[in-house]
């Protein structure tokens, strides 16, 4: 068995360096695509969270509609709350939130 010569070692080193340079170039070539993919994945997660929230709201609204269609007490409660209606002889009292008139402290 012959011992490796200097040229064999240099040839092996050059091949390894060329292979690493090729991998580095491929990585740099696809880096913008990888970043775009990460951004799209983040946007996808945001949209999925919004979809879940919208589906939850849809379920609540469907329940409210079903209650209003089938439950007269729910309808009465909604009319009283939203429109301020009252039965004859009842008094409607509205509470107005207090206004804070104190000046804001300034840090100068």
Protein backbone atom coordinates (compact mmCIF):
# COMPACT_ATOMS: atom_id res chain seq x y z
CA UNK A 1 0.00 0.00 0.00
CA UNK A 2 1.41 3.32 -1.05
CA UNK A 3 1.43 6.25 1.32
CA UNK A 4 -0.57 9.27 0.22
CA UNK A 5 1.46 11.90 -1.48
CA UNK A 6 1.19 15.61 -1.04
CA UNK A 7 -0.66 15.94 -4.35
CA UNK A 8 -3.22 13.33 -3.30
CA UNK A 9 -3.84 15.20 -0.07
CA UNK A 10 -4.14 18.53 -1.88
CA UNK A 11 -6.52 17.02 -4.43
CA UNK A 12 -8.67 15.60 -1.64
CA UNK A 13 -8.68 18.99 0.14
CA UNK A 14 -9.63 20.83 -3.07
CA UNK A 15 -12.50 18.42 -3.74
CA UNK A 16 -13.76 18.85 -0.17
CA UNK A 17 -13.52 22.64 -0.42
CA UNK A 18 -15.36 22.66 -3.76
CA UNK A 19 -18.08 20.46 -2.29
CA UNK A 20 -18.47 22.80 0.71
CA UNK A 21 -18.49 25.84 -1.59
CA UNK A 22 -21.22 24.20 -3.68
CA UNK A 23 -23.31 23.51 -0.59
CA UNK A 24 -22.81 27.09 0.60
CA UNK A 25 -23.86 28.47 -2.81
CA UNK A 26 -26.94 26.24 -2.81
CA UNK A 27 -27.82 27.46 0.68
CA UNK A 28 -27.40 31.09 -0.35
CA UNK A 29 -29.42 30.45 -3.50
CA UNK A 30 -32.39 29.09 -1.52
CA UNK A 31 -32.13 31.46 1.48
CA UNK A 32 -34.70 33.96 0.10
CA UNK A 33 -37.10 31.08 -0.57
CA UNK A 34 -36.62 29.77 2.97
CA UNK A 35 -37.33 33.22 4.44
CA UNK A 36 -40.40 33.67 2.26
CA UNK A 37 -41.61 30.24 3.37
CA UNK A 38 -41.15 31.19 7.03
CA UNK A 39 -43.13 34.40 6.51
CA UNK A 40 -45.90 32.49 4.78
CA UNK A 41 -46.02 29.95 7.61
CA UNK A 42 -46.36 32.79 10.12
CA UNK A 43 -49.15 34.35 8.06
CA UNK A 44 -50.85 30.96 7.84
CA UNK A 45 -50.81 30.62 11.64
CA UNK A 46 -52.28 34.12 12.02
CA UNK A 47 -55.05 33.33 9.54
CA UNK A 48 -55.82 30.03 11.24
CA UNK A 49 -56.15 31.82 14.59
CA UNK A 50 -58.48 34.38 12.99
CA UNK A 51 -60.52 31.57 11.43
CA UNK A 52 -60.90 29.83 14.79
CA UNK A 53 -62.03 33.11 16.38
CA UNK A 54 -64.50 33.71 13.54
CA UNK A 55 -65.89 30.19 13.87
CA UNK A 56 -66.31 30.69 17.62
CA UNK A 57 -68.15 33.98 16.98
CA UNK A 58 -70.30 32.29 14.34
CA UNK A 59 -71.29 29.62 16.86
CA UNK A 60 -72.24 32.26 19.41
CA UNK A 61 -74.28 34.19 16.86
CA UNK A 62 -76.06 31.05 15.68
CA UNK A 63 -76.93 30.25 19.29
CA UNK A 64 -78.27 33.77 19.82
CA UNK A 65 -80.37 33.59 16.66
CA UNK A 66 -81.77 30.23 17.71
CA UNK A 67 -82.60 31.65 21.14
CA UNK A 68 -84.34 34.65 19.61
CA UNK A 69 -86.35 32.41 17.30
CA UNK A 70 -87.47 29.96 19.98
CA UNK A 71 -87.34 31.73 23.34
CA UNK A 72 -89.68 34.69 23.88
CA UNK A 73 -87.90 35.67 27.11
CA UNK A 74 -84.63 36.03 25.22
CA UNK A 75 -86.35 38.29 22.70
CA UNK A 76 -87.85 40.39 25.48
CA UNK A 77 -84.49 40.69 27.23
CA UNK A 78 -82.80 41.83 24.00
CA UNK A 79 -85.50 44.42 23.29
CA UNK A 80 -85.21 45.75 26.84
CA UNK A 81 -81.40 45.94 26.72
CA UNK A 82 -80.86 47.30 23.23
CA UNK A 83 -83.93 49.46 22.70
CA UNK A 84 -84.67 50.50 26.27
CA UNK A 85 -88.26 49.32 26.16
CA UNK A 86 -90.21 48.70 29.34
CA UNK A 87 -93.55 47.25 30.26
CA UNK A 88 -96.34 49.65 31.18
CA UNK A 89 -95.78 50.92 34.71
CA UNK A 90 -92.04 50.12 34.76
CA UNK A 91 -89.37 52.78 35.06
CA UNK A 92 -86.19 52.53 33.01
CA UNK A 93 -83.05 53.79 34.73
CA UNK A 94 -79.92 54.53 32.73
CA UNK A 95 -76.53 54.69 34.40
CA UNK A 96 -74.07 57.13 32.86
CA UNK A 97 -70.39 56.48 33.52
CA UNK A 98 -68.64 59.16 35.56
CA UNK A 99 -66.33 61.55 33.75
CA UNK A 100 -62.87 61.95 35.25
CA UNK A 101 -62.16 65.71 35.36
CA UNK A 102 -58.80 65.48 37.15
CA UNK A 103 -55.91 66.81 35.08
CA UNK A 104 -53.35 64.30 33.98
CA UNK A 105 -49.99 64.45 35.75
CA UNK A 106 -47.24 65.62 33.48
CA UNK A 107 -43.68 64.43 33.94
CA UNK A 108 -41.48 67.30 32.76
